[in-house]
Structures are given as structure tokens and as C-alpha cells.
Amino acid sequence: MIDLTVSRRYAKALLMLGQEDGKYKEYGEELSGFAQLLEREPELKDALLNPIHGLEERKQLLFRVAELINLSPLVSNFLKLLFDKHRLAALNGIAQVYQQFVDDIENVKRAHVKAAVAMDEAMQERLRQGLEKMTKSKVVMDFEEDPAIIGGIVARVGDLVLDGSVRTQLSSLRESLIKGEVL
């Protein structure tokens, strides 16, 4: 719970600054990109977070990396603040919360769709349009192929779950038969 509270506090502070100058989307992309860099490069993450390395060495490394990847001055200063406050380890959570805030501002919903087989682009587009109509929001989808659902799809948009999988239908049929309900 503490991580979520910290993440919200820092994400909200950066978002407010981004809204003032109208660059909140770019700041979110930079923040997310830096968080992904740390996840992709565990040696870099260790070098920045592990106290076995000297404080000044870690700080200089952070400055150098921020400079090399051309972060905006605001995001660079934000990362330096996180470092100084010993909150750099919470960067991934901060980036996720920041993205949620941006999605709320932009009226964007994120959907995770599981399908038993790969879906062609036309089918994905029809599904996206249907979800947009249902949620009255712009929908950004990511797809996962999951043969375990046997057939159909399972779409999760925030708290909304649309389960049209054959696995769920078979499970419901099984429960009905066990209860003795006639279909």
C-alpha cells in the first residue's frame, strides 16, 4: 500500500507540472521509457539502486544516463529528486500510475484480450470498435494468444470482464448439470 501511495504522490506531482506546460504526454513517455530501460538492463538498475556503490557514483551515473537518452530537463530533475529521496526503486509503479492518470485525462481505456487463436487485424479492429462503443472511450488493446480458453475471447477493460470463451461456457454447463438444472 505504501508503494501505491508513494507512486500516486510522485506521479500526480509530475503530472501537474506537465499539465502546466502542456507536455504531460511526453513526460509520461520519457518516464515510462526510463523505467523500461531499468527493467531491461538489470546491471544498470543495480548500479543505481544498490547502496554498495557510492552515493556520488550512482548519482553521476543517473546524470549521465539521463543525458545520454536526452531526457527533458523536467524529467531529469524528477529522476534526480526520486534518487535523492530514495524513491528510484518505485519508478516502475510511478510510471504506471502516471499512465493511468494520462489515460483518465485522455479518456482512454486499456484492454487486455485473450483469444484461443491469433486474430487478424480486421477482427481486432472490429473488437476495438465494439469495446469503444461499449465503454464510450478510446480503447487501446493488447492481445494474448491462450489456447487454454479453447475458443472465443476474454476481454478485460478495467474492471469490466467480457468472457465469451468456450472454457467458461463449458464450465457453466458443467455447473448447471451438477445442480440438476435443465437448460
C-alpha atoms as a PDB file:
ATOM      1  CA  MET A   1       0.000   0.000   0.000  1.00  0.00           C
ATOM      2  CA  ILE A   2       2.860   2.353   0.751  1.00  0.00           C
ATOM      3  CA  ASP A   3       4.236   1.865  -2.770  1.00  0.00           C
ATOM      4  CA  LEU A   4       0.887   2.838  -4.301  1.00  0.00           C
ATOM      5  CA  THR A   5       0.638   5.916  -2.081  1.00  0.00           C
ATOM      6  CA  VAL A   6       4.184   6.971  -2.965  1.00  0.00           C
ATOM      7  CA  SER A   7       3.597   6.253  -6.647  1.00  0.00           C
ATOM      8  CA  ARG A   8       0.426   8.334  -6.714  1.00  0.00           C
ATOM      9  CA  ARG A   9       2.018  11.246  -4.907  1.00  0.00           C
ATOM     10  CA  TYR A  10       5.010  11.496  -7.231  1.00  0.00           C
ATOM     11  CA  ALA A  11       3.041  10.739 -10.397  1.00  0.00           C
ATOM     12  CA  LYS A  12       0.493  13.414  -9.538  1.00  0.00           C
ATOM     13  CA  ALA A  13       3.227  15.977  -8.870  1.00  0.00           C
ATOM     14  CA  LEU A  14       4.878  15.322 -12.239  1.00  0.00           C
ATOM     15  CA  LEU A  15       1.510  15.337 -14.000  1.00  0.00           C
ATOM     16  CA  MET A  16       0.621  18.724 -12.545  1.00  0.00           C
ATOM     17  CA  LEU A  17       3.904  20.154 -13.827  1.00  0.00           C
ATOM     18  CA  GLY A  18       3.318  18.533 -17.203  1.00  0.00           C
ATOM     19  CA  GLN A  19      -0.171  19.963 -17.468  1.00  0.00           C
ATOM     20  CA  GLU A  20       1.152  23.450 -16.746  1.00  0.00           C
ATOM     21  CA  ASP A  21       3.419  23.384 -19.785  1.00  0.00           C
ATOM     22  CA  GLY A  22       1.240  21.047 -21.878  1.00  0.00           C
ATOM     23  CA  LYS A  23       3.885  18.324 -22.199  1.00  0.00           C
ATOM     24  CA  TYR A  24       2.412  15.749 -19.835  1.00  0.00           C
ATOM     25  CA  LYS A  25       2.222  13.069 -22.549  1.00  0.00           C
ATOM     26  CA  GLU A  26       5.899  13.463 -23.466  1.00  0.00           C
ATOM     27  CA  TYR A  27       6.908  13.369 -19.812  1.00  0.00           C
ATOM     28  CA  GLY A  28       4.937  10.161 -19.374  1.00  0.00           C
ATOM     29  CA  GLU A  29       6.672   8.585 -22.359  1.00  0.00           C
ATOM     30  CA  GLU A  30      10.086   9.579 -21.025  1.00  0.00           C
ATOM     31  CA  LEU A  31       9.274   8.286 -17.553  1.00  0.00           C
ATOM     32  CA  SER A  32       7.961   5.015 -18.916  1.00  0.00           C
ATOM     33  CA  GLY A  33      10.951   4.669 -21.238  1.00  0.00           C
ATOM     34  CA  PHE A  34      13.399   5.135 -18.365  1.00  0.00           C
ATOM     35  CA  ALA A  35      11.505   2.624 -16.206  1.00  0.00           C
ATOM     36  CA  GLN A  36      11.599   0.108 -19.072  1.00  0.00           C
ATOM     37  CA  LEU A  37      15.318   0.747 -19.531  1.00  0.00           C
ATOM     38  CA  LEU A  38      15.947  -0.153 -15.899  1.00  0.00           C
ATOM     39  CA  GLU A  39      13.889  -3.339 -16.272  1.00  0.00           C
ATOM     40  CA  ARG A  40      15.732  -4.333 -19.474  1.00  0.00           C
ATOM     41  CA  GLU A  41      19.153  -3.583 -18.019  1.00  0.00           C
ATOM     42  CA  PRO A  42      19.373  -5.149 -14.543  1.00  0.00           C
ATOM     43  CA  GLU A  43      23.060  -4.181 -14.219  1.00  0.00           C
ATOM     44  CA  LEU A  44      22.161  -0.515 -14.653  1.00  0.00           C
ATOM     45  CA  LYS A  45      19.317  -0.836 -12.168  1.00  0.00           C
ATOM     46  CA  ASP A  46      21.647  -2.490  -9.672  1.00  0.00           C
ATOM     47  CA  ALA A  47      24.300   0.182 -10.196  1.00  0.00           C
ATOM     48  CA  LEU A  48      21.741   2.933  -9.496  1.00  0.00           C
ATOM     49  CA  LEU A  49      19.924   1.319  -6.575  1.00  0.00           C
ATOM     50  CA  ASN A  50      22.474  -0.811  -4.742  1.00  0.00           C
ATOM     51  CA  PRO A  51      23.992   1.090  -1.787  1.00  0.00           C
ATOM     52  CA  ILE A  52      27.172  -0.967  -2.120  1.00  0.00           C
ATOM     53  CA  HIS A  53      28.104   1.527  -4.838  1.00  0.00           C
ATOM     54  CA  GLY A  54      28.986   5.010  -3.634  1.00  0.00           C
ATOM     55  CA  LEU A  55      26.234   7.607  -3.485  1.00  0.00           C
ATOM     56  CA  GLU A  56      28.080  10.109  -5.675  1.00  0.00           C
ATOM     57  CA  GLU A  57      28.987   7.427  -8.224  1.00  0.00           C
ATOM     58  CA  ARG A  58      25.329   6.382  -8.501  1.00  0.00           C
ATOM     59  CA  LYS A  59      24.200   9.981  -8.804  1.00  0.00           C
ATOM     60  CA  GLN A  60      26.742  10.708 -11.552  1.00  0.00           C
ATOM     61  CA  LEU A  61      25.618   7.548 -13.376  1.00  0.00           C
ATOM     62  CA  LEU A  62      21.992   8.728 -13.219  1.00  0.00           C
ATOM     63  CA  PHE A  63      23.010  12.155 -14.588  1.00  0.00           C
ATOM     64  CA  ARG A  64      24.998  10.553 -17.395  1.00  0.00           C
ATOM     65  CA  VAL A  65      22.226   8.125 -18.420  1.00  0.00           C
ATOM     66  CA  ALA A  66      19.629  10.915 -18.383  1.00  0.00           C
ATOM     67  CA  GLU A  67      21.920  12.984 -20.587  1.00  0.00           C
ATOM     68  CA  LEU A  68      22.656  10.101 -22.995  1.00  0.00           C
ATOM     69  CA  ILE A  69      18.998   9.310 -23.625  1.00  0.00           C
ATOM     70  CA  ASN A  70      18.104  13.004 -23.970  1.00  0.00           C
ATOM     71  CA  LEU A  71      15.559  13.275 -21.207  1.00  0.00           C
ATOM     72  CA  SER A  72      13.839  16.619 -20.850  1.00  0.00           C
ATOM     73  CA  PRO A  73      15.170  18.790 -18.016  1.00  0.00           C
ATOM     74  CA  LEU A  74      11.951  18.337 -16.038  1.00  0.00           C
ATOM     75  CA  VAL A  75      12.038  14.519 -16.175  1.00  0.00           C
ATOM     76  CA  SER A  76      15.791  14.525 -15.443  1.00  0.00           C
ATOM     77  CA  ASN A  77      15.193  16.666 -12.365  1.00  0.00           C
ATOM     78  CA  PHE A  78      12.283  14.443 -11.370  1.00  0.00           C
ATOM     79  CA  LEU A  79      14.530  11.359 -11.528  1.00  0.00           C
ATOM     80  CA  LYS A  80      17.184  13.193  -9.507  1.00  0.00           C
ATOM     81  CA  LEU A  81      14.542  14.022  -6.897  1.00  0.00           C
ATOM     82  CA  LEU A  82      13.488  10.370  -6.749  1.00  0.00           C
ATOM     83  CA  PHE A  83      17.135   9.402  -6.319  1.00  0.00           C
ATOM     84  CA  ASP A  84      17.694  11.947  -3.540  1.00  0.00           C
ATOM     85  CA  LYS A  85      14.547  10.826  -1.718  1.00  0.00           C
ATOM     86  CA  HIS A  86      15.496   7.130  -2.107  1.00  0.00           C
ATOM     87  CA  ARG A  87      12.386   6.526  -4.223  1.00  0.00           C
ATOM     88  CA  LEU A  88      14.016   5.485  -7.503  1.00  0.00           C
ATOM     89  CA  ALA A  89      13.063   1.872  -6.756  1.00  0.00           C
ATOM     90  CA  ALA A  90       9.407   2.939  -7.011  1.00  0.00           C
ATOM     91  CA  LEU A  91       9.900   4.283 -10.552  1.00  0.00           C
ATOM     92  CA  ASN A  92       8.030   1.453 -12.275  1.00  0.00           C
ATOM     93  CA  GLY A  93       4.968   1.993 -10.091  1.00  0.00           C
ATOM     94  CA  ILE A  94       5.161   5.759 -10.559  1.00  0.00           C
ATOM     95  CA  ALA A  95       5.286   5.327 -14.343  1.00  0.00           C
ATOM     96  CA  GLN A  96       2.251   3.007 -14.264  1.00  0.00           C
ATOM     97  CA  VAL A  97       0.194   5.366 -12.096  1.00  0.00           C
ATOM     98  CA  TYR A  98       1.251   8.306 -14.276  1.00  0.00           C
ATOM     99  CA  GLN A  99      -0.003   6.425 -17.360  1.00  0.00           C
ATOM    100  CA  GLN A 100      -3.325   5.771 -15.613  1.00  0.00           C
ATOM    101  CA  PHE A 101      -3.657   9.491 -14.868  1.00  0.00           C
ATOM    102  CA  VAL A 102      -2.895  10.366 -18.503  1.00  0.00           C
ATOM    103  CA  ASP A 103      -5.418   7.755 -19.679  1.00  0.00           C
ATOM    104  CA  ASP A 104      -8.066   9.333 -17.447  1.00  0.00           C
ATOM    105  CA  ILE A 105      -7.341  12.790 -18.862  1.00  0.00           C
ATOM    106  CA  GLU A 106      -7.434  11.497 -22.447  1.00  0.00           C
ATOM    107  CA  ASN A 107     -10.486   9.231 -21.846  1.00  0.00           C
ATOM    108  CA  VAL A 108      -8.512   6.120 -22.818  1.00  0.00           C
ATOM    109  CA  LYS A 109      -9.240   2.608 -21.580  1.00  0.00           C
ATOM    110  CA  ARG A 110      -6.693  -0.187 -21.786  1.00  0.00           C
ATOM    111  CA  ALA A 111      -7.995  -3.600 -22.793  1.00  0.00           C
ATOM    112  CA  HIS A 112      -6.293  -6.953 -22.463  1.00  0.00           C
ATOM    113  CA  VAL A 113      -7.744  -9.533 -24.842  1.00  0.00           C
ATOM    114  CA  LYS A 114      -7.100 -13.271 -24.757  1.00  0.00           C
ATOM    115  CA  ALA A 115      -8.044 -15.330 -27.767  1.00  0.00           C
ATOM    116  CA  ALA A 116      -7.660 -19.052 -28.390  1.00  0.00           C
ATOM    117  CA  VAL A 117      -6.079 -18.363 -31.776  1.00  0.00           C
ATOM    118  CA  ALA A 118      -4.392 -15.367 -33.370  1.00  0.00           C
ATOM    119  CA  MET A 119      -6.815 -12.707 -34.584  1.00  0.00           C
ATOM    120  CA  ASP A 120      -6.337 -10.897 -37.885  1.00  0.00           C
ATOM    121  CA  GLU A 121      -6.195  -7.103 -37.916  1.00  0.00           C
ATOM    122  CA  ALA A 122      -9.728  -6.682 -39.259  1.00  0.00           C
ATOM    123  CA  MET A 123     -11.152  -8.754 -36.397  1.00  0.00           C
ATOM    124  CA  GLN A 124      -9.048  -6.845 -33.860  1.00  0.00           C
ATOM    125  CA  GLU A 125     -10.324  -3.551 -35.250  1.00  0.00           C
ATOM    126  CA  ARG A 126     -13.978  -4.682 -35.064  1.00  0.00           C
ATOM    127  CA  LEU A 127     -13.435  -5.794 -31.481  1.00  0.00           C
ATOM    128  CA  ARG A 128     -11.763  -2.484 -30.591  1.00  0.00           C
ATOM    129  CA  GLN A 129     -14.667  -0.528 -32.112  1.00  0.00           C
ATOM    130  CA  GLY A 130     -17.178  -2.621 -30.184  1.00  0.00           C
ATOM    131  CA  LEU A 131     -15.319  -2.035 -26.923  1.00  0.00           C
ATOM    132  CA  GLU A 132     -15.123   1.691 -27.658  1.00  0.00           C
ATOM    133  CA  LYS A 133     -18.857   1.807 -28.246  1.00  0.00           C
ATOM    134  CA  MET A 134     -19.470  -0.115 -25.015  1.00  0.00           C
ATOM    135  CA  THR A 135     -17.116   1.950 -22.844  1.00  0.00           C
ATOM    136  CA  LYS A 136     -17.621   5.301 -24.623  1.00  0.00           C
ATOM    137  CA  SER A 137     -13.841   5.726 -24.531  1.00  0.00           C
ATOM    138  CA  LYS A 138     -10.907   5.296 -26.842  1.00  0.00           C
ATOM    139  CA  VAL A 139      -9.635   1.737 -26.359  1.00  0.00           C
ATOM    140  CA  VAL A 140      -6.022   0.615 -26.609  1.00  0.00           C
ATOM    141  CA  MET A 141      -5.762  -3.168 -26.758  1.00  0.00           C
ATOM    142  CA  ASP A 142      -3.055  -5.707 -26.260  1.00  0.00           C
ATOM    143  CA  PHE A 143      -3.561  -9.295 -27.347  1.00  0.00           C
ATOM    144  CA  GLU A 144      -2.520 -12.611 -25.917  1.00  0.00           C
ATOM    145  CA  GLU A 145      -2.961 -15.994 -27.519  1.00  0.00           C
ATOM    146  CA  ASP A 146      -4.179 -18.527 -24.944  1.00  0.00           C
ATOM    147  CA  PRO A 147      -5.189 -21.974 -26.266  1.00  0.00           C
ATOM    148  CA  ALA A 148      -6.444 -22.890 -22.775  1.00  0.00           C
ATOM    149  CA  ILE A 149      -9.665 -20.937 -23.360  1.00  0.00           C
ATOM    150  CA  ILE A 150     -10.436 -23.433 -26.182  1.00  0.00           C
ATOM    151  CA  GLY A 151     -12.329 -20.934 -28.334  1.00  0.00           C
ATOM    152  CA  GLY A 152     -13.766 -17.424 -28.236  1.00  0.00           C
ATOM    153  CA  ILE A 153     -12.218 -14.472 -26.419  1.00  0.00           C
ATOM    154  CA  VAL A 154     -11.869 -12.958 -22.961  1.00  0.00           C
ATOM    155  CA  ALA A 155     -11.614  -9.161 -22.888  1.00  0.00           C
ATOM    156  CA  ARG A 156     -10.715  -7.208 -19.749  1.00  0.00           C
ATOM    157  CA  VAL A 157     -11.225  -3.436 -19.835  1.00  0.00           C
ATOM    158  CA  GLY A 158     -10.508  -2.031 -16.392  1.00  0.00           C
ATOM    159  CA  ASP A 159     -12.981  -3.725 -14.058  1.00  0.00           C
ATOM    160  CA  LEU A 160     -15.182  -4.935 -16.913  1.00  0.00           C
ATOM    161  CA  VAL A 161     -14.602  -8.559 -17.972  1.00  0.00           C
ATOM    162  CA  LEU A 162     -16.297  -9.922 -21.066  1.00  0.00           C
ATOM    163  CA  ASP A 163     -15.833 -13.682 -21.130  1.00  0.00           C
ATOM    164  CA  GLY A 164     -17.009 -15.368 -24.311  1.00  0.00           C
ATOM    165  CA  SER A 165     -14.642 -18.295 -24.032  1.00  0.00           C
ATOM    166  CA  VAL A 166     -15.692 -21.863 -24.701  1.00  0.00           C
ATOM    167  CA  ARG A 167     -13.926 -22.879 -21.480  1.00  0.00           C
ATOM    168  CA  THR A 168     -16.252 -20.654 -19.414  1.00  0.00           C
ATOM    169  CA  GLN A 169     -19.321 -21.861 -21.298  1.00  0.00           C
ATOM    170  CA  LEU A 170     -18.338 -25.493 -20.665  1.00  0.00           C
ATOM    171  CA  SER A 171     -17.723 -24.706 -17.013  1.00  0.00           C
ATOM    172  CA  SER A 172     -21.168 -23.087 -16.717  1.00  0.00           C
ATOM    173  CA  LEU A 173     -22.779 -26.078 -18.428  1.00  0.00           C
ATOM    174  CA  ARG A 174     -20.970 -28.422 -16.044  1.00  0.00           C
ATOM    175  CA  GLU A 175     -22.207 -26.441 -13.004  1.00  0.00           C
ATOM    176  CA  SER A 176     -25.757 -26.492 -14.359  1.00  0.00           C
ATOM    177  CA  LEU A 177     -25.622 -30.245 -14.834  1.00  0.00           C
ATOM    178  CA  ILE A 178     -24.240 -30.776 -11.342  1.00  0.00           C
ATOM    179  CA  LYS A 179     -27.027 -28.645  -9.847  1.00  0.00           C
ATOM    180  CA  GLY A 180     -29.572 -30.561 -11.892  1.00  0.00           C
ATOM    181  CA  GLU A 181     -30.775 -27.513 -13.769  1.00  0.00           C
ATOM    182  CA  VAL A 182     -32.347 -28.173 -17.140  1.00  0.00           C
ATOM    183  CA  LEU A 183     -31.216 -25.937 -19.953  1.00  0.00           C
END
